[in-house]
Amino acid sequence: APVPKVGVLALQGAYREHAARLRGLGAPVREVR
């Protein structure tokens, strides 16, 4: 089954690292502002 889309709260902090890790696991990721 396709991996559901995940958001990362991208206001401040380590959001890029989370997004990269989730994408590496095959999850579509959106930055949330």
PDB file of all heavy atoms in Angstrom:
ATOM      1  N   ALA A   1       0.842  -1.193   0.000  1.00  0.00           N
ATOM      2  CA  ALA A   1       0.000   0.000   0.000  1.00  0.00           C
ATOM      3  C   ALA A   1       0.878   1.244   0.000  1.00  0.00           C
ATOM      4  O   ALA A   1       1.971   1.238   0.564  1.00  0.00           O
ATOM      5  CB  ALA A   1      -0.902  -0.013   1.225  1.00  0.00           C
ATOM      6  N   PRO A   2       0.425   2.337  -0.613  1.00  0.00           N
ATOM      7  CA  PRO A   2       1.215   3.571  -0.600  1.00  0.00           C
ATOM      8  C   PRO A   2       1.330   4.132   0.814  1.00  0.00           C
ATOM      9  O   PRO A   2       0.422   3.984   1.637  1.00  0.00           O
ATOM     10  CB  PRO A   2       0.418   4.517  -1.509  1.00  0.00           C
ATOM     11  CG  PRO A   2      -0.974   3.965  -1.527  1.00  0.00           C
ATOM     12  CD  PRO A   2      -0.834   2.486  -1.351  1.00  0.00           C
ATOM     13  N   VAL A   3       2.455   4.772   1.103  1.00  0.00           N
ATOM     14  CA  VAL A   3       2.668   5.387   2.412  1.00  0.00           C
ATOM     15  C   VAL A   3       1.881   6.696   2.459  1.00  0.00           C
ATOM     16  O   VAL A   3       1.966   7.502   1.538  1.00  0.00           O
ATOM     17  CB  VAL A   3       4.170   5.656   2.646  1.00  0.00           C
ATOM     18  CG1 VAL A   3       4.387   6.301   4.008  1.00  0.00           C
ATOM     19  CG2 VAL A   3       4.965   4.365   2.533  1.00  0.00           C
ATOM     20  N   PRO A   4       1.094   6.921   3.522  1.00  0.00           N
ATOM     21  CA  PRO A   4       0.331   8.173   3.616  1.00  0.00           C
ATOM     22  C   PRO A   4       1.246   9.395   3.659  1.00  0.00           C
ATOM     23  O   PRO A   4       2.402   9.300   4.073  1.00  0.00           O
ATOM     24  CB  PRO A   4      -0.442   8.025   4.933  1.00  0.00           C
ATOM     25  CG  PRO A   4      -0.447   6.569   5.233  1.00  0.00           C
ATOM     26  CD  PRO A   4       0.821   6.024   4.660  1.00  0.00           C
ATOM     27  N   LYS A   5       0.710  10.531   3.249  1.00  0.00           N
ATOM     28  CA  LYS A   5       1.484  11.769   3.236  1.00  0.00           C
ATOM     29  C   LYS A   5       1.664  12.290   4.665  1.00  0.00           C
ATOM     30  O   LYS A   5       0.734  12.290   5.461  1.00  0.00           O
ATOM     31  CB  LYS A   5       0.786  12.829   2.385  1.00  0.00           C
ATOM     32  CG  LYS A   5       1.585  14.114   2.228  1.00  0.00           C
ATOM     33  CD  LYS A   5       0.914  15.075   1.255  1.00  0.00           C
ATOM     34  CE  LYS A   5       1.076  14.588  -0.175  1.00  0.00           C
ATOM     35  NZ  LYS A   5       0.568  15.591  -1.150  1.00  0.00           N
ATOM     36  N   VAL A   6       2.883  12.740   4.951  1.00  0.00           N
ATOM     37  CA  VAL A   6       3.245  13.206   6.285  1.00  0.00           C
ATOM     38  C   VAL A   6       3.692  14.661   6.197  1.00  0.00           C
ATOM     39  O   VAL A   6       4.325  15.070   5.221  1.00  0.00           O
ATOM     40  CB  VAL A   6       4.392  12.354   6.870  1.00  0.00           C
ATOM     41  CG1 VAL A   6       4.668  12.750   8.318  1.00  0.00           C
ATOM     42  CG2 VAL A   6       4.071  10.881   6.784  1.00  0.00           C
ATOM     43  N   GLY A   7       3.383  15.427   7.224  1.00  0.00           N
ATOM     44  CA  GLY A   7       3.856  16.800   7.306  1.00  0.00           C
ATOM     45  C   GLY A   7       4.940  16.949   8.358  1.00  0.00           C
ATOM     46  O   GLY A   7       5.027  16.151   9.299  1.00  0.00           O
ATOM     47  N   VAL A   8       5.769  17.956   8.187  1.00  0.00           N
ATOM     48  CA  VAL A   8       6.736  18.347   9.207  1.00  0.00           C
ATOM     49  C   VAL A   8       6.533  19.834   9.459  1.00  0.00           C
ATOM     50  O   VAL A   8       6.579  20.634   8.515  1.00  0.00           O
ATOM     51  CB  VAL A   8       8.187  18.071   8.763  1.00  0.00           C
ATOM     52  CG1 VAL A   8       9.158  18.514   9.850  1.00  0.00           C
ATOM     53  CG2 VAL A   8       8.393  16.594   8.446  1.00  0.00           C
ATOM     54  N   LEU A   9       6.269  20.188  10.712  1.00  0.00           N
ATOM     55  CA  LEU A   9       6.079  21.596  11.062  1.00  0.00           C
ATOM     56  C   LEU A   9       7.396  22.333  10.804  1.00  0.00           C
ATOM     57  O   LEU A   9       8.414  22.048  11.438  1.00  0.00           O
ATOM     58  CB  LEU A   9       5.655  21.726  12.520  1.00  0.00           C
ATOM     59  CG  LEU A   9       5.235  23.118  12.979  1.00  0.00           C
ATOM     60  CD1 LEU A   9       3.960  23.568  12.264  1.00  0.00           C
ATOM     61  CD2 LEU A   9       5.023  23.132  14.495  1.00  0.00           C
ATOM     62  N   ALA A  10       7.376  23.251   9.846  1.00  0.00           N
ATOM     63  CA  ALA A  10       8.611  23.845   9.337  1.00  0.00           C
ATOM     64  C   ALA A  10       8.730  25.314   9.716  1.00  0.00           C
ATOM     65  O   ALA A  10       9.035  26.160   8.884  1.00  0.00           O
ATOM     66  CB  ALA A  10       8.683  23.660   7.825  1.00  0.00           C
ATOM     67  N   LEU A  11       8.485  25.614  10.985  1.00  0.00           N
ATOM     68  CA  LEU A  11       8.604  26.989  11.466  1.00  0.00           C
ATOM     69  C   LEU A  11      10.020  27.302  11.917  1.00  0.00           C
ATOM     70  O   LEU A  11      10.510  28.413  11.728  1.00  0.00           O
ATOM     71  CB  LEU A  11       7.642  27.221  12.637  1.00  0.00           C
ATOM     72  CG  LEU A  11       6.161  27.007  12.356  1.00  0.00           C
ATOM     73  CD1 LEU A  11       5.360  27.257  13.628  1.00  0.00           C
ATOM     74  CD2 LEU A  11       5.685  27.902  11.225  1.00  0.00           C
ATOM     75  N   GLN A  12      10.664  26.318  12.524  1.00  0.00           N
ATOM     76  CA  GLN A  12      11.974  26.531  13.136  1.00  0.00           C
ATOM     77  C   GLN A  12      12.481  25.178  13.590  1.00  0.00           C
ATOM     78  O   GLN A  12      11.715  24.245  13.769  1.00  0.00           O
ATOM     79  CB  GLN A  12      11.818  27.494  14.321  1.00  0.00           C
ATOM     80  CG  GLN A  12      13.091  28.009  14.933  1.00  0.00           C
ATOM     81  CD  GLN A  12      13.468  27.294  16.213  1.00  0.00           C
ATOM     82  OE1 GLN A  12      12.666  26.552  16.776  1.00  0.00           O
ATOM     83  NE2 GLN A  12      14.681  27.494  16.672  1.00  0.00           N
ATOM     84  N   GLY A  13      13.783  25.035  13.744  1.00  0.00           N
ATOM     85  CA  GLY A  13      14.321  23.797  14.294  1.00  0.00           C
ATOM     86  C   GLY A  13      14.710  22.783  13.230  1.00  0.00           C
ATOM     87  O   GLY A  13      14.916  23.117  12.062  1.00  0.00           O
ATOM     88  N   ALA A  14      14.761  21.514  13.639  1.00  0.00           N
ATOM     89  CA  ALA A  14      15.347  20.444  12.821  1.00  0.00           C
ATOM     90  C   ALA A  14      14.334  19.799  11.873  1.00  0.00           C
ATOM     91  O   ALA A  14      14.297  18.585  11.722  1.00  0.00           O
ATOM     92  CB  ALA A  14      15.972  19.395  13.728  1.00  0.00           C
ATOM     93  N   TYR A  15      13.532  20.611  11.197  1.00  0.00           N
ATOM     94  CA  TYR A  15      12.493  20.024  10.337  1.00  0.00           C
ATOM     95  C   TYR A  15      13.076  19.403   9.076  1.00  0.00           C
ATOM     96  O   TYR A  15      12.544  18.409   8.569  1.00  0.00           O
ATOM     97  CB  TYR A  15      11.406  21.047  10.001  1.00  0.00           C
ATOM     98  CG  TYR A  15      11.855  22.263   9.232  1.00  0.00           C
ATOM     99  CD1 TYR A  15      11.869  22.261   7.840  1.00  0.00           C
ATOM    100  CD2 TYR A  15      12.226  23.438   9.886  1.00  0.00           C
ATOM    101  CE1 TYR A  15      12.259  23.386   7.128  1.00  0.00           C
ATOM    102  CE2 TYR A  15      12.608  24.562   9.187  1.00  0.00           C
ATOM    103  CZ  TYR A  15      12.636  24.534   7.813  1.00  0.00           C
ATOM    104  OH  TYR A  15      13.014  25.643   7.108  1.00  0.00           O
ATOM    105  N   ARG A  16      14.158  19.966   8.529  1.00  0.00           N
ATOM    106  CA  ARG A  16      14.743  19.405   7.304  1.00  0.00           C
ATOM    107  C   ARG A  16      15.243  17.981   7.535  1.00  0.00           C
ATOM    108  O   ARG A  16      15.109  17.112   6.669  1.00  0.00           O
ATOM    109  CB  ARG A  16      15.882  20.289   6.804  1.00  0.00           C
ATOM    110  CG  ARG A  16      15.437  21.648   6.293  1.00  0.00           C
ATOM    111  CD  ARG A  16      16.618  22.476   5.795  1.00  0.00           C
ATOM    112  NE  ARG A  16      16.212  23.824   5.449  1.00  0.00           N
ATOM    113  CZ  ARG A  16      16.175  24.841   6.306  1.00  0.00           C
ATOM    114  NH1 ARG A  16      16.533  24.645   7.567  1.00  0.00           N
ATOM    115  NH2 ARG A  16      15.796  26.043   5.918  1.00  0.00           N
ATOM    116  N   GLU A  17      15.841  17.743   8.701  1.00  0.00           N
ATOM    117  CA  GLU A  17      16.362  16.413   9.018  1.00  0.00           C
ATOM    118  C   GLU A  17      15.234  15.391   9.124  1.00  0.00           C
ATOM    119  O   GLU A  17      15.359  14.267   8.632  1.00  0.00           O
ATOM    120  CB  GLU A  17      17.168  16.465  10.319  1.00  0.00           C
ATOM    121  CG  GLU A  17      18.469  17.244  10.218  1.00  0.00           C
ATOM    122  CD  GLU A  17      18.331  18.750  10.395  1.00  0.00           C
ATOM    123  OE1 GLU A  17      17.182  19.260  10.441  1.00  0.00           O
ATOM    124  OE2 GLU A  17      19.364  19.429  10.489  1.00  0.00           O
ATOM    125  N   HIS A  18      14.131  15.773   9.758  1.00  0.00           N
ATOM    126  CA  HIS A  18      12.973  14.870   9.824  1.00  0.00           C
ATOM    127  C   HIS A  18      12.433  14.585   8.426  1.00  0.00           C
ATOM    128  O   HIS A  18      12.126  13.436   8.087  1.00  0.00           O
ATOM    129  CB  HIS A  18      11.864  15.497  10.671  1.00  0.00           C
ATOM    130  CG  HIS A  18      12.013  15.268  12.137  1.00  0.00           C
ATOM    131  ND1 HIS A  18      11.922  14.022  12.715  1.00  0.00           N
ATOM    132  CD2 HIS A  18      12.236  16.138  13.151  1.00  0.00           C
ATOM    133  CE1 HIS A  18      12.069  14.134  14.025  1.00  0.00           C
ATOM    134  NE2 HIS A  18      12.263  15.408  14.317  1.00  0.00           N
ATOM    135  N   ALA A  19      12.286  15.620   7.619  1.00  0.00           N
ATOM    136  CA  ALA A  19      11.746  15.441   6.272  1.00  0.00           C
ATOM    137  C   ALA A  19      12.622  14.502   5.454  1.00  0.00           C
ATOM    138  O   ALA A  19      12.122  13.606   4.750  1.00  0.00           O
ATOM    139  CB  ALA A  19      11.610  16.796   5.580  1.00  0.00           C
ATOM    140  N   ALA A  20      13.931  14.670   5.553  1.00  0.00           N
ATOM    141  CA  ALA A  20      14.847  13.809   4.801  1.00  0.00           C
ATOM    142  C   ALA A  20      14.735  12.356   5.255  1.00  0.00           C
ATOM    143  O   ALA A  20      14.734  11.432   4.425  1.00  0.00           O
ATOM    144  CB  ALA A  20      16.286  14.311   4.966  1.00  0.00           C
ATOM    145  N   ARG A  21      14.634  12.137   6.571  1.00  0.00           N
ATOM    146  CA  ARG A  21      14.527  10.770   7.073  1.00  0.00           C
ATOM    147  C   ARG A  21      13.219  10.114   6.612  1.00  0.00           C
ATOM    148  O   ARG A  21      13.202   8.957   6.195  1.00  0.00           O
ATOM    149  CB  ARG A  21      14.612  10.783   8.608  1.00  0.00           C
ATOM    150  CG  ARG A  21      14.561   9.415   9.284  1.00  0.00           C
ATOM    151  CD  ARG A  21      15.646   8.464   8.815  1.00  0.00           C
ATOM    152  NE  ARG A  21      16.925   9.109   8.715  1.00  0.00           N
ATOM    153  CZ  ARG A  21      17.721   9.387   9.757  1.00  0.00           C
ATOM    154  NH1 ARG A  21      17.365   9.068  10.980  1.00  0.00           N
ATOM    155  NH2 ARG A  21      18.885   9.971   9.575  1.00  0.00           N
ATOM    156  N   LEU A  22      12.120  10.856   6.679  1.00  0.00           N
ATOM    157  CA  LEU A  22      10.828  10.305   6.248  1.00  0.00           C
ATOM    158  C   LEU A  22      10.821  10.020   4.751  1.00  0.00           C
ATOM    159  O   LEU A  22      10.313   8.982   4.313  1.00  0.00           O
ATOM    160  CB  LEU A  22       9.707  11.272   6.627  1.00  0.00           C
ATOM    161  CG  LEU A  22       9.438  11.394   8.139  1.00  0.00           C
ATOM    162  CD1 LEU A  22       8.638  12.642   8.444  1.00  0.00           C
ATOM    163  CD2 LEU A  22       8.723  10.149   8.656  1.00  0.00           C
ATOM    164  N   ARG A  23      11.383  10.931   3.962  1.00  0.00           N
ATOM    165  CA  ARG A  23      11.464  10.685   2.514  1.00  0.00           C
ATOM    166  C   ARG A  23      12.319   9.454   2.216  1.00  0.00           C
ATOM    167  O   ARG A  23      12.027   8.689   1.298  1.00  0.00           O
ATOM    168  CB  ARG A  23      12.015  11.919   1.801  1.00  0.00           C
ATOM    169  CG  ARG A  23      11.041  13.081   1.755  1.00  0.00           C
ATOM    170  CD  ARG A  23      11.552  14.228   0.891  1.00  0.00           C
ATOM    171  NE  ARG A  23      10.596  15.318   0.874  1.00  0.00           N
ATOM    172  CZ  ARG A  23      10.778  16.505   1.465  1.00  0.00           C
ATOM    173  NH1 ARG A  23      11.915  16.769   2.094  1.00  0.00           N
ATOM    174  NH2 ARG A  23       9.839  17.432   1.406  1.00  0.00           N
ATOM    175  N   GLY A  24      13.376   9.272   3.003  1.00  0.00           N
ATOM    176  CA  GLY A  24      14.225   8.101   2.835  1.00  0.00           C
ATOM    177  C   GLY A  24      13.491   6.795   3.100  1.00  0.00           C
ATOM    178  O   GLY A  24      13.892   5.740   2.604  1.00  0.00           O
ATOM    179  N   LEU A  25      12.416   6.864   3.887  1.00  0.00           N
ATOM    180  CA  LEU A  25      11.581   5.692   4.160  1.00  0.00           C
ATOM    181  C   LEU A  25      10.437   5.562   3.163  1.00  0.00           C
ATOM    182  O   LEU A  25       9.572   4.691   3.315  1.00  0.00           O
ATOM    183  CB  LEU A  25      11.033   5.776   5.582  1.00  0.00           C
ATOM    184  CG  LEU A  25      12.079   5.657   6.699  1.00  0.00           C
ATOM    185  CD1 LEU A  25      11.452   5.982   8.051  1.00  0.00           C
ATOM    186  CD2 LEU A  25      12.700   4.263   6.716  1.00  0.00           C
ATOM    187  N   GLY A  26      10.414   6.430   2.150  1.00  0.00           N
ATOM    188  CA  GLY A  26       9.401   6.329   1.103  1.00  0.00           C
ATOM    189  C   GLY A  26       8.140   7.121   1.348  1.00  0.00           C
ATOM    190  O   GLY A  26       7.174   6.994   0.587  1.00  0.00           O
ATOM    191  N   ALA A  27       8.123   7.966   2.385  1.00  0.00           N
ATOM    192  CA  ALA A  27       6.924   8.745   2.689  1.00  0.00           C
ATOM    193  C   ALA A  27       6.937  10.067   1.928  1.00  0.00           C
ATOM    194  O   ALA A  27       7.950  10.760   1.916  1.00  0.00           O
ATOM    195  CB  ALA A  27       6.832   9.030   4.184  1.00  0.00           C
ATOM    196  N   PRO A  28       5.819  10.424   1.279  1.00  0.00           N
ATOM    197  CA  PRO A  28       5.711  11.778   0.726  1.00  0.00           C
ATOM    198  C   PRO A  28       5.580  12.781   1.866  1.00  0.00           C
ATOM    199  O   PRO A  28       4.804  12.566   2.801  1.00  0.00           O
ATOM    200  CB  PRO A  28       4.441  11.715  -0.127  1.00  0.00           C
ATOM    201  CG  PRO A  28       3.687  10.517   0.322  1.00  0.00           C
ATOM    202  CD  PRO A  28       4.634   9.609   1.035  1.00  0.00           C
ATOM    203  N   VAL A  29       6.364  13.854   1.806  1.00  0.00           N
ATOM    204  CA  VAL A  29       6.447  14.798   2.922  1.00  0.00           C
ATOM    205  C   VAL A  29       6.114  16.208   2.440  1.00  0.00           C
ATOM    206  O   VAL A  29       6.548  16.626   1.373  1.00  0.00           O
ATOM    207  CB  VAL A  29       7.866  14.791   3.540  1.00  0.00           C
ATOM    208  CG1 VAL A  29       7.975  15.816   4.662  1.00  0.00           C
ATOM    209  CG2 VAL A  29       8.226  13.401   4.058  1.00  0.00           C
ATOM    210  N   ARG A  30       5.357  16.924   3.280  1.00  0.00           N
ATOM    211  CA  ARG A  30       5.062  18.339   3.016  1.00  0.00           C
ATOM    212  C   ARG A  30       5.514  19.162   4.220  1.00  0.00           C
ATOM    213  O   ARG A  30       5.247  18.797   5.364  1.00  0.00           O
ATOM    214  CB  ARG A  30       3.552  18.537   2.814  1.00  0.00           C
ATOM    215  CG  ARG A  30       3.163  20.022   2.623  1.00  0.00           C
ATOM    216  CD  ARG A  30       1.654  20.214   2.665  1.00  0.00           C
ATOM    217  NE  ARG A  30       1.000  19.422   1.632  1.00  0.00           N
ATOM    218  CZ  ARG A  30      -0.250  18.959   1.739  1.00  0.00           C
ATOM    219  NH1 ARG A  30      -0.964  19.202   2.816  1.00  0.00           N
ATOM    220  NH2 ARG A  30      -0.778  18.259   0.757  1.00  0.00           N
ATOM    221  N   GLU A  31       6.180  20.279   3.945  1.00  0.00           N
ATOM    222  CA  GLU A  31       6.522  21.213   5.017  1.00  0.00           C
ATOM    223  C   GLU A  31       5.277  22.036   5.359  1.00  0.00           C
ATOM    224  O   GLU A  31       4.602  22.545   4.472  1.00  0.00           O
ATOM    225  CB  GLU A  31       7.669  22.122   4.580  1.00  0.00           C
ATOM    226  CG  GLU A  31       8.976  21.359   4.409  1.00  0.00           C
ATOM    227  CD  GLU A  31      10.142  22.243   4.035  1.00  0.00           C
ATOM    228  OE1 GLU A  31       9.938  23.469   3.871  1.00  0.00           O
ATOM    229  OE2 GLU A  31      11.263  21.713   3.898  1.00  0.00           O
ATOM    230  N   VAL A  32       4.977  22.123   6.644  1.00  0.00           N
ATOM    231  CA  VAL A  32       3.766  22.788   7.130  1.00  0.00           C
ATOM    232  C   VAL A  32       4.141  24.100   7.812  1.00  0.00           C
ATOM    233  O   VAL A  32       4.923  24.109   8.769  1.00  0.00           O
ATOM    234  CB  VAL A  32       2.992  21.881   8.111  1.00  0.00           C
ATOM    235  CG1 VAL A  32       1.840  22.629   8.767  1.00  0.00           C
ATOM    236  CG2 VAL A  32       2.488  20.629   7.395  1.00  0.00           C
ATOM    237  N   ARG A  33       3.590  25.197   7.288  1.00  0.00           N
ATOM    238  CA  ARG A  33       3.796  26.511   7.898  1.00  0.00           C
ATOM    239  C   ARG A  33       2.471  27.225   8.171  1.00  0.00           C
ATOM    240  O   ARG A  33       2.401  28.083   9.036  1.00  0.00           O
ATOM    241  CB  ARG A  33       4.671  27.380   6.999  1.00  0.00           C
ATOM    242  CG  ARG A  33       6.092  26.862   6.859  1.00  0.00           C
ATOM    243  CD  ARG A  33       6.950  27.734   5.958  1.00  0.00           C
ATOM    244  NE  ARG A  33       8.320  27.232   5.913  1.00  0.00           N
ATOM    245  CZ  ARG A  33       8.746  26.295   5.069  1.00  0.00           C
ATOM    246  NH1 ARG A  33       7.902  25.761   4.186  1.00  0.00           N
ATOM    247  NH2 ARG A  33      10.002  25.885   5.089  1.00  0.00           N
TER     248      ARG A  33
END
